């Protein structure tokens, strides 16, 4: 009896250890969910490593929108919107992360339903219990790398079948037939045939298993998406009307995929009995049959699956936006106007640790002058970013904001392209050309230009810049230009509105207030900065002599 008692004690200890680990894991998840809402440091560094996967949903969705409804790649890079995405990425699932990335690119228009509903965001901001309940479900989905590719699996499900998909049911049928005949008839012949077919099936199972496991990962993520969406819809039925029908149509797919999930768990287990069980049952071909059945269901229900996918992503994204808002020094839900103007009260750039907020009302096209490093570019970027955030995630980093529905396009971070051999000036005029094309669309467009046409000589720069500014002033555009060319600002004084940033010299150092002021800048600090950085006095004196 002693060995039996020892085995029983060991088994009991193993069960207790498993239970304690499960309880500890559950407590850790609950603690994270309760305390991470509004945490600005919540985003993990590894998000940068999966940007290509995160972008897959957007690559699909952008085909359904006009160019003037999207944030193009130049504008995205000019404004460093990847960093804005990282800052706002408080999502818990791969569907939410992809939905947020896509949403930040899609400005939409007046005739389209916004991708996010501020009422839903506000609901989760106020209802902590419901928010935590939904977040537990989303956290269970998580961010496995295979999940990001499930949108592609659904899109191209009919081409994702395993090879020879009609053979596996036949192989199972023949194996069962010979097994039954061997038992019923007590026939050695059928017993040998059963063993032979079993071995053939076993070899086929081993050969195909690698391919099956790789594809199974994405299909398993589809199962998690459907099941999580069904659970979330039961928690918040008032926001789930749009997926009632799609979820009903996907019930069969969910059942098949859930069976696959169970089989996958066995295959992935390190337990010896589970591993042996997978090899013993593998020749039955159940895994392959279920996989192809699941792929067939998704192929027939692609539209419904993507509706459910976007629903789950939008709910996760809504909670993430609420968390992002809480993490900011201050924010507002912007008002949407029908004018060619916008207004921000105490607006700031969301990526600055200690930002200086500014009040600004745009009523007509604007030229901003000022010294180097005084804040011109940062302010224009803050305005452009907030116009995007207002139209995509119903949020502005300001105390109050009123914005129109408009396109947003920039030309700010122009660089030479060594790979194509394009010079700075060539790339700059190409960037401006796309602005001209957008301006011809007739839609209201916000344009932001930093140092217009600085890639050429002064005489031609001023002449060409004047022509460009006159052109945009005659179109349905809201234009903000940052420039060092005081001559340009004076030429358009009264036509464009002039603002400037300035600095002061304190104890031999240049001090900026980063506050926008009315009028044209009357100061320049280029030579002064040479002195502050420590250039020799000989150079400073020579430079000053040239401008005296």
Protein backbone atom coordinates (compact mmCIF):
# COMPACT_ATOMS: atom_id res chain seq x y z
CA UNK A 1 0.00 0.00 0.00
CA UNK A 2 2.90 2.36 0.64
CA UNK A 3 3.71 2.95 -3.09
CA UNK A 4 0.04 3.69 -3.72
CA UNK A 5 0.02 6.24 -0.86
CA UNK A 6 3.22 7.85 -2.16
CA UNK A 7 1.77 8.12 -5.70
CA UNK A 8 -1.46 9.57 -4.29
CA UNK A 9 0.46 12.17 -2.25
CA UNK A 10 2.56 13.15 -5.29
CA UNK A 11 -0.57 13.46 -7.41
CA UNK A 12 -2.24 15.57 -4.72
CA UNK A 13 0.79 17.88 -4.48
CA UNK A 14 0.84 18.24 -8.29
CA UNK A 15 -2.85 19.17 -8.31
CA UNK A 16 -2.32 21.71 -5.51
CA UNK A 17 0.65 23.27 -7.36
CA UNK A 18 -1.42 23.58 -10.55
CA UNK A 19 -4.32 25.16 -8.67
CA UNK A 20 -2.03 27.62 -6.84
CA UNK A 21 -0.41 28.64 -10.14
CA UNK A 22 -3.80 29.16 -11.77
CA UNK A 23 -5.01 31.27 -8.84
CA UNK A 24 -1.76 33.29 -8.86
CA UNK A 25 -1.98 33.86 -12.61
CA UNK A 26 -5.61 34.94 -12.34
CA UNK A 27 -4.81 37.33 -9.51
CA UNK A 28 -1.93 38.82 -11.52
CA UNK A 29 -4.23 39.43 -14.50
CA UNK A 30 -6.90 40.98 -12.28
CA UNK A 31 -4.32 43.27 -10.68
CA UNK A 32 -2.97 44.35 -14.06
CA UNK A 33 -6.43 45.12 -15.42
CA UNK A 34 -7.43 47.10 -12.33
CA UNK A 35 -4.27 49.22 -12.23
CA UNK A 36 -3.17 49.64 -15.88
CA UNK A 37 -6.04 51.83 -17.09
CA UNK A 38 -4.57 55.29 -17.71
CA UNK A 39 -0.95 54.19 -17.24
CA UNK A 40 1.19 56.13 -19.78
CA UNK A 41 3.98 53.53 -19.63
CA UNK A 42 1.67 50.65 -20.47
CA UNK A 43 2.84 50.07 -24.06
CA UNK A 44 5.53 47.39 -24.43
CA UNK A 45 8.70 47.99 -26.42
CA UNK A 46 8.18 44.89 -28.57
CA UNK A 47 5.31 46.60 -30.40
CA UNK A 48 7.91 48.06 -32.79
CA UNK A 49 8.93 44.56 -33.83
CA UNK A 50 5.47 43.68 -35.12
CA UNK A 51 4.53 46.87 -36.99
CA UNK A 52 4.33 45.05 -40.31
CA UNK A 53 1.80 42.62 -38.82
CA UNK A 54 -0.16 45.39 -37.10
CA UNK A 55 -0.54 47.19 -40.44
CA UNK A 56 -2.23 44.21 -42.19
CA UNK A 57 -5.79 45.31 -41.39
CA UNK A 58 -5.11 48.85 -42.64
CA UNK A 59 -3.62 47.48 -45.87
CA UNK A 60 -6.97 45.77 -46.48
CA UNK A 61 -9.20 48.63 -45.37
CA UNK A 62 -7.51 51.54 -47.15
CA UNK A 63 -8.69 50.19 -50.50
CA UNK A 64 -12.23 51.25 -49.57
CA UNK A 65 -11.36 54.94 -49.03
CA UNK A 66 -10.42 57.87 -51.22
CA UNK A 67 -6.93 59.34 -50.93
CA UNK A 68 -8.23 62.51 -49.28
CA UNK A 69 -9.84 60.38 -46.55
CA UNK A 70 -6.52 58.82 -45.52
CA UNK A 71 -3.36 59.97 -43.76
CA UNK A 72 -0.78 59.23 -46.44
CA UNK A 73 2.64 57.75 -45.70
CA UNK A 74 4.50 61.07 -46.09
CA UNK A 75 2.23 62.81 -43.60
CA UNK A 76 2.37 59.82 -41.25
CA UNK A 77 6.18 59.93 -41.25
CA UNK A 78 6.38 63.74 -41.10
CA UNK A 79 4.27 63.77 -37.93
CA UNK A 80 5.99 60.66 -36.49
CA UNK A 81 2.59 59.08 -36.11
CA UNK A 82 4.14 55.72 -35.22
CA UNK A 83 5.11 57.34 -31.90
CA UNK A 84 1.57 58.70 -31.46
CA UNK A 85 0.26 55.19 -32.12
CA UNK A 86 2.65 53.72 -29.53
CA UNK A 87 1.56 56.37 -27.03
CA UNK A 88 -2.13 55.61 -27.57
CA UNK A 89 -1.80 51.83 -27.89
CA UNK A 90 -3.43 50.75 -24.64
CA UNK A 91 -5.09 47.77 -26.32
CA UNK A 92 -5.28 44.24 -24.92
CA UNK A 93 -5.77 42.20 -28.11
CA UNK A 94 -4.32 41.90 -31.59
CA UNK A 95 -7.70 42.89 -33.08
CA UNK A 96 -7.75 46.09 -31.02
CA UNK A 97 -4.16 46.95 -31.90
CA UNK A 98 -4.78 46.53 -35.61
CA UNK A 99 -8.05 48.46 -35.40
CA UNK A 100 -6.37 51.39 -33.61
CA UNK A 101 -3.55 51.56 -36.16
CA UNK A 102 -6.02 51.51 -39.04
CA UNK A 103 -8.32 54.04 -37.37
CA UNK A 104 -5.50 56.56 -36.90
CA UNK A 105 -4.98 56.45 -40.68
CA UNK A 106 -8.63 56.89 -41.70
CA UNK A 107 -10.04 60.41 -41.46
CA UNK A 108 -13.23 59.51 -43.26
CA UNK A 109 -15.66 62.21 -44.37
CA UNK A 110 -19.05 63.71 -43.55
CA UNK A 111 -20.93 60.99 -45.41
CA UNK A 112 -19.24 58.09 -43.56
CA UNK A 113 -20.05 56.72 -40.12
CA UNK A 114 -17.10 57.37 -37.75
CA UNK A 115 -15.13 54.24 -36.85
CA UNK A 116 -15.28 55.01 -33.13
CA UNK A 117 -18.30 56.10 -31.12
CA UNK A 118 -17.55 58.56 -28.33
CA UNK A 119 -20.57 57.29 -26.37
CA UNK A 120 -18.93 53.86 -26.16
CA UNK A 121 -15.60 55.39 -25.12
CA UNK A 122 -17.40 57.42 -22.45
CA UNK A 123 -19.29 54.35 -21.23
CA UNK A 124 -16.07 52.48 -20.53
CA UNK A 125 -14.48 55.55 -18.94
CA UNK A 126 -17.33 55.72 -16.41
CA UNK A 127 -18.15 52.02 -15.86
CA UNK A 128 -15.09 50.40 -14.34
CA UNK A 129 -16.80 47.08 -13.57
CA UNK A 130 -17.99 46.52 -17.15
CA UNK A 131 -14.66 47.77 -18.50
CA UNK A 132 -12.69 45.30 -16.41
CA UNK A 133 -15.02 42.45 -17.34
CA UNK A 134 -14.55 43.16 -21.05
CA UNK A 135 -10.81 43.67 -20.66
CA UNK A 136 -10.42 40.23 -19.09
CA UNK A 137 -11.96 38.73 -22.22
CA UNK A 138 -9.74 40.83 -24.48
CA UNK A 139 -6.66 40.00 -22.42
CA UNK A 140 -7.52 36.32 -22.89
CA UNK A 141 -7.32 36.84 -26.65
CA UNK A 142 -3.97 38.58 -26.22
CA UNK A 143 -1.47 39.43 -28.94
CA UNK A 144 -0.03 36.21 -30.37
CA UNK A 145 1.77 36.96 -33.63
CA UNK A 146 -0.45 34.48 -35.48
CA UNK A 147 -3.50 36.53 -34.53
CA UNK A 148 -2.49 39.47 -36.71
CA UNK A 149 -2.51 37.20 -39.75
CA UNK A 150 -6.03 35.90 -39.13
CA UNK A 151 -7.43 38.82 -41.17
CA UNK A 152 -5.54 37.46 -44.15
CA UNK A 153 -6.72 33.94 -43.39
CA UNK A 154 -10.36 35.04 -43.50
CA UNK A 155 -9.79 37.11 -46.65
CA UNK A 156 -8.23 34.18 -48.49
CA UNK A 157 -9.75 31.25 -46.60
CA UNK A 158 -10.62 29.20 -49.69
CA UNK A 159 -6.91 29.01 -50.56
CA UNK A 160 -5.84 27.96 -47.07
CA UNK A 161 -7.11 24.38 -47.16
CA UNK A 162 -4.67 21.60 -46.44
CA UNK A 163 -3.68 19.62 -49.55
CA UNK A 164 -5.84 16.65 -50.57
CA UNK A 165 -8.63 17.81 -48.28
CA UNK A 166 -11.15 15.28 -49.63
CA UNK A 167 -8.79 12.37 -48.90
CA UNK A 168 -8.74 12.69 -45.08
CA UNK A 169 -12.40 11.67 -44.48
CA UNK A 170 -11.81 8.66 -46.78
CA UNK A 171 -8.69 7.68 -44.82
CA UNK A 172 -10.67 7.90 -41.57
CA UNK A 173 -13.59 5.94 -43.06
CA UNK A 174 -11.39 3.12 -44.37
CA UNK A 175 -9.55 2.85 -41.04
CA UNK A 176 -12.82 2.66 -39.07
CA UNK A 177 -14.32 0.18 -41.54
CA UNK A 178 -11.41 -2.26 -41.28
CA UNK A 179 -11.33 -1.85 -37.50
CA UNK A 180 -15.04 -2.63 -37.12
CA UNK A 181 -14.85 -5.62 -39.50
CA UNK A 182 -11.79 -6.96 -37.68
CA UNK A 183 -13.64 -6.85 -34.32
CA UNK A 184 -17.03 -8.07 -35.56
CA UNK A 185 -15.74 -10.86 -37.79
CA UNK A 186 -12.69 -11.66 -35.66
CA UNK A 187 -10.79 -11.67 -38.97
CA UNK A 188 -6.96 -11.60 -38.99
CA UNK A 189 -7.07 -10.30 -42.58
CA UNK A 190 -9.09 -7.21 -41.64
CA UNK A 191 -6.92 -6.78 -38.56
CA UNK A 192 -3.82 -6.68 -40.76
CA UNK A 193 -5.54 -4.28 -43.14
CA UNK A 194 -6.47 -2.08 -40.16
CA UNK A 195 -2.84 -2.00 -38.98
CA UNK A 196 -1.59 -1.27 -42.52
CA UNK A 197 -4.01 1.65 -43.03
CA UNK A 198 -3.22 2.92 -39.53
CA UNK A 199 0.51 3.01 -40.37
CA UNK A 200 -0.14 4.74 -43.70
CA UNK A 201 -2.27 7.33 -41.93
CA UNK A 202 0.37 7.73 -39.24
CA UNK A 203 3.08 8.50 -41.83
CA UNK A 204 0.76 10.98 -43.55
CA UNK A 205 0.01 12.58 -40.18
CA UNK A 206 3.70 13.04 -39.37
CA UNK A 207 4.38 14.43 -42.85
CA UNK A 208 1.58 17.01 -42.72
CA UNK A 209 1.73 17.91 -39.06
CA UNK A 210 4.27 20.71 -39.46
CA UNK A 211 2.21 22.45 -42.11
CA UNK A 212 -0.94 21.88 -40.10
CA UNK A 213 0.43 23.39 -36.88
CA UNK A 214 1.61 26.55 -38.66
CA UNK A 215 -1.78 27.15 -40.27
CA UNK A 216 -3.64 26.11 -37.17
CA UNK A 217 -2.21 29.04 -35.23
CA UNK A 218 -4.03 31.59 -37.39
CA UNK A 219 -7.23 29.56 -37.45
CA UNK A 220 -7.06 29.22 -33.67
CA UNK A 221 -6.81 33.01 -33.42
CA UNK A 222 -9.98 33.24 -35.49
CA UNK A 223 -11.69 31.00 -32.96
CA UNK A 224 -10.54 33.22 -30.09
CA UNK A 225 -11.86 36.27 -31.94
CA UNK A 226 -15.33 34.79 -32.51
CA UNK A 227 -15.68 33.38 -29.00
CA UNK A 228 -14.41 36.56 -27.33
CA UNK A 229 -16.74 38.71 -29.43
CA UNK A 230 -19.68 36.52 -28.40
CA UNK A 231 -18.76 36.89 -24.72
CA UNK A 232 -18.22 40.65 -25.02
CA UNK A 233 -21.57 41.07 -26.76
CA UNK A 234 -23.27 39.43 -23.76
CA UNK A 235 -21.54 41.85 -21.37
CA UNK A 236 -22.48 44.98 -23.35
CA UNK A 237 -25.58 44.05 -25.41
CA UNK A 238 -26.50 47.74 -25.84
CA UNK A 239 -23.45 48.20 -28.09
CA UNK A 240 -23.60 44.85 -29.86
CA UNK A 241 -26.63 44.99 -32.17
CA UNK A 242 -24.41 45.10 -35.25
CA UNK A 243 -22.94 41.64 -34.58
CA UNK A 244 -26.02 39.71 -33.46
CA UNK A 245 -26.64 38.27 -36.94
CA UNK A 246 -22.97 37.68 -37.87
CA UNK A 247 -22.36 35.84 -34.59
CA UNK A 248 -25.35 33.57 -35.21
CA UNK A 249 -24.06 32.75 -38.67
CA UNK A 250 -20.62 31.97 -37.24
CA UNK A 251 -21.86 29.57 -34.54
CA UNK A 252 -20.97 26.48 -36.54
CA UNK A 253 -17.51 27.87 -37.35
CA UNK A 254 -17.03 28.70 -33.67
CA UNK A 255 -17.89 25.14 -32.61
CA UNK A 256 -15.49 23.62 -35.16
CA UNK A 257 -12.73 26.05 -34.30
CA UNK A 258 -13.26 25.44 -30.57
CA UNK A 259 -12.73 21.71 -31.14
CA UNK A 260 -9.56 22.61 -33.00
CA UNK A 261 -8.51 24.73 -30.04
CA UNK A 262 -8.90 21.78 -27.71
CA UNK A 263 -6.88 19.57 -30.02
CA UNK A 264 -4.23 22.26 -30.32
CA UNK A 265 -3.94 22.52 -26.53
CA UNK A 266 -3.24 18.80 -26.39
CA UNK A 267 -0.64 19.04 -29.14
CA UNK A 268 1.10 21.97 -27.47
CA UNK A 269 1.14 20.34 -24.03
CA UNK A 270 4.42 19.06 -22.59
CA UNK A 271 2.55 16.33 -20.71
CA UNK A 272 3.73 12.86 -21.83
CA UNK A 273 0.23 11.34 -21.89
CA UNK A 274 -1.08 14.25 -23.99
CA UNK A 275 1.77 13.86 -26.45
CA UNK A 276 1.21 10.11 -26.71
CA UNK A 277 -2.51 10.72 -27.12
CA UNK A 278 -1.91 13.09 -30.02
CA UNK A 279 0.20 10.46 -31.79
CA UNK A 280 -2.31 7.69 -31.14
CA UNK A 281 -5.28 9.72 -32.38
CA UNK A 282 -3.33 11.50 -35.16
CA UNK A 283 -3.87 8.75 -37.77
CA UNK A 284 -7.62 9.25 -37.38
CA UNK A 285 -7.08 12.48 -39.36
CA UNK A 286 -9.53 14.34 -37.11
CA UNK A 287 -7.22 17.37 -36.88
CA UNK A 288 -7.00 17.78 -40.65
CA UNK A 289 -10.71 17.20 -41.17
CA UNK A 290 -11.61 19.80 -38.53
CA UNK A 291 -9.11 22.27 -39.96
CA UNK A 292 -10.56 22.06 -43.47
CA UNK A 293 -14.10 22.27 -42.11
CA UNK A 294 -13.15 25.42 -40.20
CA UNK A 295 -11.45 26.94 -43.26
CA UNK A 296 -14.54 26.13 -45.35
CA UNK A 297 -16.81 27.86 -42.82
CA UNK A 298 -14.64 30.98 -42.86
CA UNK A 299 -14.51 30.95 -46.65
CA UNK A 300 -18.31 31.04 -46.72
CA UNK A 301 -18.58 33.62 -43.92
CA UNK A 302 -15.75 36.05 -44.71
CA UNK A 303 -17.97 39.11 -44.49
CA UNK A 304 -19.49 38.02 -41.16
CA UNK A 305 -16.09 37.16 -39.70
CA UNK A 306 -14.65 40.57 -40.57
CA UNK A 307 -17.72 42.26 -39.05
CA UNK A 308 -17.08 40.37 -35.82
CA UNK A 309 -13.34 41.07 -36.03
CA UNK A 310 -13.89 44.81 -36.42
CA UNK A 311 -16.47 44.80 -33.64
CA UNK A 312 -14.03 43.23 -31.20
CA UNK A 313 -11.27 45.55 -32.40
CA UNK A 314 -13.46 48.64 -32.01
CA UNK A 315 -14.45 47.72 -28.44
CA UNK A 316 -10.82 47.16 -27.46
CA UNK A 317 -9.85 50.37 -29.25
CA UNK A 318 -12.59 52.33 -27.42
CA UNK A 319 -11.29 51.19 -24.04
CA UNK A 320 -7.72 51.98 -25.14
CA UNK A 321 -8.72 55.53 -26.12
CA UNK A 322 -10.28 56.02 -22.67
CA UNK A 323 -7.04 54.83 -21.08
CA UNK A 324 -4.99 57.09 -23.38
CA UNK A 325 -7.14 60.08 -22.38
CA UNK A 326 -6.64 59.38 -18.69
CA UNK A 327 -2.86 59.21 -19.20
CA UNK A 328 -2.70 62.74 -20.65
CA UNK A 329 -2.15 65.96 -18.66
CA UNK A 330 -5.46 67.16 -20.11
CA UNK A 331 -7.68 66.34 -23.07
CA UNK A 332 -11.04 67.18 -24.58
CA UNK A 333 -13.64 65.67 -26.86
CA UNK A 334 -13.61 68.04 -29.85
CA UNK A 335 -16.62 69.79 -31.31
CA UNK A 336 -17.07 69.24 -35.05
CA UNK A 337 -17.90 72.36 -37.09
CA UNK A 338 -18.86 72.95 -40.71
CA UNK A 339 -16.49 75.87 -41.23
CA UNK A 340 -13.07 76.26 -42.84
CA UNK A 341 -11.55 77.04 -39.46
CA UNK A 342 -10.47 75.40 -36.23
CA UNK A 343 -9.71 76.45 -32.69
CA UNK A 344 -7.63 74.96 -29.91
CA UNK A 345 -7.48 76.13 -26.30
CA UNK A 346 -4.28 75.08 -24.48
CA UNK A 347 -3.23 72.64 -27.18
CA UNK A 348 0.04 70.72 -26.83
CA UNK A 349 2.08 68.08 -28.62
CA UNK A 350 1.20 64.68 -27.06
CA UNK A 351 4.77 63.35 -27.20
CA UNK A 352 6.35 66.10 -25.08
CA UNK A 353 7.06 65.31 -21.43
CA UNK A 354 6.71 68.90 -20.25
CA UNK A 355 4.77 70.67 -23.01
CA UNK A 356 3.96 74.37 -23.29
CA UNK A 357 0.29 74.68 -24.23
CA UNK A 358 -0.95 77.37 -26.62
CA UNK A 359 -4.28 78.94 -27.61
CA UNK A 360 -4.82 79.22 -31.33
CA UNK A 361 -7.71 80.03 -33.64
CA UNK A 362 -7.28 79.41 -37.37
CA UNK A 363 -9.49 81.75 -39.42
CA UNK A 364 -7.40 82.20 -42.56
CA UNK A 365 -4.18 80.84 -44.01
CA UNK A 366 -1.24 81.41 -41.72
CA UNK A 367 2.50 82.05 -41.94
CA UNK A 368 4.57 81.39 -38.84
CA UNK A 369 8.01 82.96 -38.54
CA UNK A 370 10.58 82.71 -35.81
CA UNK A 371 14.09 81.76 -34.85
CA UNK A 372 15.67 78.34 -35.06
CA UNK A 373 14.42 75.88 -32.39
CA UNK A 374 11.79 78.38 -31.21
CA UNK A 375 8.87 75.96 -31.61
CA UNK A 376 7.42 76.68 -35.08
CA UNK A 377 7.60 73.14 -36.41
CA UNK A 378 6.47 71.54 -33.14
CA UNK A 379 3.42 73.80 -33.01
CA UNK A 380 2.40 73.05 -36.60
CA UNK A 381 2.85 69.33 -35.93
CA UNK A 382 0.72 69.63 -32.78
CA UNK A 383 -2.05 71.26 -34.83
CA UNK A 384 -1.89 68.61 -37.57
CA UNK A 385 -1.75 65.71 -35.08
CA UNK A 386 -4.74 67.05 -33.18
CA UNK A 387 -6.76 67.44 -36.38
CA UNK A 388 -6.05 63.75 -37.03
CA UNK A 389 -6.79 62.62 -33.45
CA UNK A 390 -10.01 64.65 -33.40
CA UNK A 391 -11.33 62.93 -36.53
CA UNK A 392 -10.12 59.42 -35.73
CA UNK A 393 -10.29 58.78 -31.96
CA UNK A 394 -12.55 61.68 -30.87
CA UNK A 395 -9.77 63.14 -28.73
CA UNK A 396 -7.62 66.28 -28.67
CA UNK A 397 -4.68 67.08 -26.43
CA UNK A 398 -6.21 70.43 -25.48
CA UNK A 399 -8.67 71.92 -23.00
CA UNK A 400 -11.14 72.70 -25.77
CA UNK A 401 -11.20 72.15 -29.52
CA UNK A 402 -13.47 72.87 -32.46
CA UNK A 403 -12.45 71.25 -35.76
CA UNK A 404 -13.91 70.61 -39.21
CA UNK A 405 -13.98 67.36 -41.16
CA UNK A 406 -10.93 67.76 -43.39
CA UNK A 407 -8.03 66.01 -45.02
CA UNK A 408 -4.58 66.45 -43.46
CA UNK A 409 -1.43 66.52 -45.55
CA UNK A 410 2.09 67.75 -44.71
CA UNK A 411 5.50 68.50 -46.19
CA UNK A 412 7.83 68.80 -43.22
CA UNK A 413 10.58 66.19 -42.97
CA UNK A 414 11.99 66.28 -46.50
CA UNK A 415 15.26 64.41 -47.06
CA UNK A 416 17.48 63.44 -49.97
CA UNK A 417 16.85 59.90 -51.20
CA UNK A 418 20.19 58.25 -51.91
CA UNK A 419 18.57 55.06 -53.23
CA UNK A 420 16.64 56.82 -56.00
CA UNK A 421 19.13 59.64 -56.46
CA UNK A 422 16.49 62.28 -55.83
CA UNK A 423 17.78 65.56 -54.41
CA UNK A 424 16.19 67.43 -51.53
CA UNK A 425 14.55 69.91 -53.91
CA UNK A 426 13.11 67.19 -56.19
CA UNK A 427 11.54 65.40 -53.25
CA UNK A 428 10.26 68.69 -51.83
CA UNK A 429 8.45 69.69 -55.02
CA UNK A 430 7.02 66.15 -55.31
CA UNK A 431 5.61 66.51 -51.81
CA UNK A 432 4.10 69.88 -52.78
CA UNK A 433 2.72 68.39 -56.01
CA UNK A 434 0.65 65.87 -54.07
CA UNK A 435 -0.72 68.79 -52.03
CA UNK A 436 -1.75 70.51 -55.25
CA UNK A 437 -3.51 67.35 -56.41
CA UNK A 438 -5.37 67.04 -53.10
CA UNK A 439 -6.38 70.71 -53.25
CA UNK A 440 -8.00 70.05 -56.62
CA UNK A 441 -10.30 67.40 -55.08
CA UNK A 442 -12.59 70.10 -53.70
CA UNK A 443 -12.58 68.67 -50.19
CA UNK A 444 -11.45 70.91 -47.34
CA UNK A 445 -7.76 70.11 -46.76
CA UNK A 446 -5.41 71.18 -43.97
CA UNK A 447 -1.90 71.71 -45.35
CA UNK A 448 1.24 72.06 -43.22
CA UNK A 449 4.54 73.11 -44.81
CA UNK A 450 7.80 73.54 -42.91
CA UNK A 451 10.36 75.82 -44.62
CA UNK A 452 8.75 76.04 -48.03
CA UNK A 453 11.07 75.38 -51.00
CA UNK A 454 14.25 75.80 -48.99
CA UNK A 455 16.04 73.41 -51.34
CA UNK A 456 16.77 76.11 -53.92
CA UNK A 457 18.35 79.59 -54.15
CA UNK A 458 16.82 82.60 -52.39
CA UNK A 459 15.54 84.46 -55.48
CA UNK A 460 13.75 81.49 -57.00
CA UNK A 461 12.58 80.25 -53.60
CA UNK A 462 10.77 83.52 -52.84
CA UNK A 463 9.25 83.73 -56.32
CA UNK A 464 8.05 80.13 -56.37
CA UNK A 465 6.84 80.27 -52.74
CA UNK A 466 4.71 83.35 -53.49
CA UNK A 467 3.11 81.57 -56.44
CA UNK A 468 2.40 78.46 -54.36
CA UNK A 469 0.89 80.47 -51.48
CA UNK A 470 -1.35 82.43 -53.90
CA UNK A 471 -2.52 79.17 -55.46
CA UNK A 472 -3.47 77.54 -52.15
CA UNK A 473 -5.18 80.73 -50.97
CA UNK A 474 -7.59 80.40 -53.90
CA UNK A 475 -8.49 76.79 -53.04
CA UNK A 476 -10.52 75.13 -50.29
CA UNK A 477 -7.47 74.81 -48.04
CA UNK A 478 -6.36 75.66 -44.52
CA UNK A 479 -2.64 76.30 -44.87
CA UNK A 480 0.01 76.77 -42.18
CA UNK A 481 3.56 77.56 -43.30
CA UNK A 482 6.65 77.82 -41.12
CA UNK A 483 9.42 79.91 -42.67
CA UNK A 484 12.54 81.94 -41.96
CA UNK A 485 11.77 84.17 -44.96
CA UNK A 486 10.57 87.41 -43.41
CA UNK A 487 10.21 88.78 -46.94
CA UNK A 488 7.58 86.14 -47.65
CA UNK A 489 5.66 86.95 -44.47
CA UNK A 490 5.67 90.67 -45.30
CA UNK A 491 4.52 90.05 -48.88
CA UNK A 492 1.41 88.23 -47.65
CA UNK A 493 0.70 90.38 -44.59
CA UNK A 494 -3.02 91.12 -44.64
CA UNK A 495 -3.74 88.17 -46.95
CA UNK A 496 -2.33 85.47 -44.72
CA UNK A 497 -2.33 85.83 -40.96
CA UNK A 498 1.13 86.22 -39.43
CA UNK A 499 2.25 84.61 -36.17
CA UNK A 500 5.68 84.07 -34.71
CA UNK A 501 7.72 82.39 -31.98
CA UNK A 502 10.55 84.23 -30.27
CA UNK A 503 13.30 83.97 -27.65
CA UNK A 504 15.24 86.05 -25.18
CA UNK A 505 18.90 86.21 -24.14
CA UNK A 506 19.39 85.49 -20.43
CA UNK A 507 22.84 85.22 -18.83
CA UNK A 508 24.43 84.67 -22.21
CA UNK A 509 22.04 81.85 -23.10
CA UNK A 510 19.10 81.76 -25.53
CA UNK A 511 15.81 81.05 -23.73
CA UNK A 512 12.62 80.14 -25.63
CA UNK A 513 9.11 80.57 -24.27
CA UNK A 514 7.55 78.28 -26.98
CA UNK A 515 4.50 80.54 -27.00
CA UNK A 516 2.86 81.67 -30.22
CA UNK A 517 2.54 85.45 -30.72
CA UNK A 518 0.74 87.63 -33.26
CA UNK A 519 2.65 89.33 -36.06
CA UNK A 520 5.93 88.76 -37.89
CA UNK A 521 9.11 87.77 -36.04
CA UNK A 522 11.59 90.62 -35.64
CA UNK A 523 14.49 88.56 -34.33
CA UNK A 524 16.97 85.97 -35.55
CA UNK A 525 19.20 83.76 -33.45
CA UNK A 526 21.34 81.85 -35.94
CA UNK A 527 24.55 83.74 -35.13
CA UNK A 528 23.67 83.94 -31.45
CA UNK A 529 23.35 80.15 -31.33
CA UNK A 530 26.86 79.82 -32.78
CA UNK A 531 28.11 81.74 -29.78
CA UNK A 532 26.07 79.73 -27.28
CA UNK A 533 27.35 76.43 -28.74
CA UNK A 534 30.93 77.67 -28.35
CA UNK A 535 32.15 78.72 -31.81
CA UNK A 536 35.31 80.88 -31.77
CA UNK A 537 34.82 84.65 -31.33
CA UNK A 538 36.53 85.21 -34.68
CA UNK A 539 33.70 83.42 -36.46
CA UNK A 540 31.03 85.26 -34.46
CA UNK A 541 32.57 88.68 -35.18
CA UNK A 542 32.90 87.87 -38.87
CA UNK A 543 29.29 86.80 -39.12
CA UNK A 544 28.01 89.89 -37.34
CA UNK A 545 30.10 92.13 -39.59
CA UNK A 546 28.40 90.66 -42.67
CA UNK A 547 24.91 91.70 -41.51
CA UNK A 548 25.77 95.11 -40.07
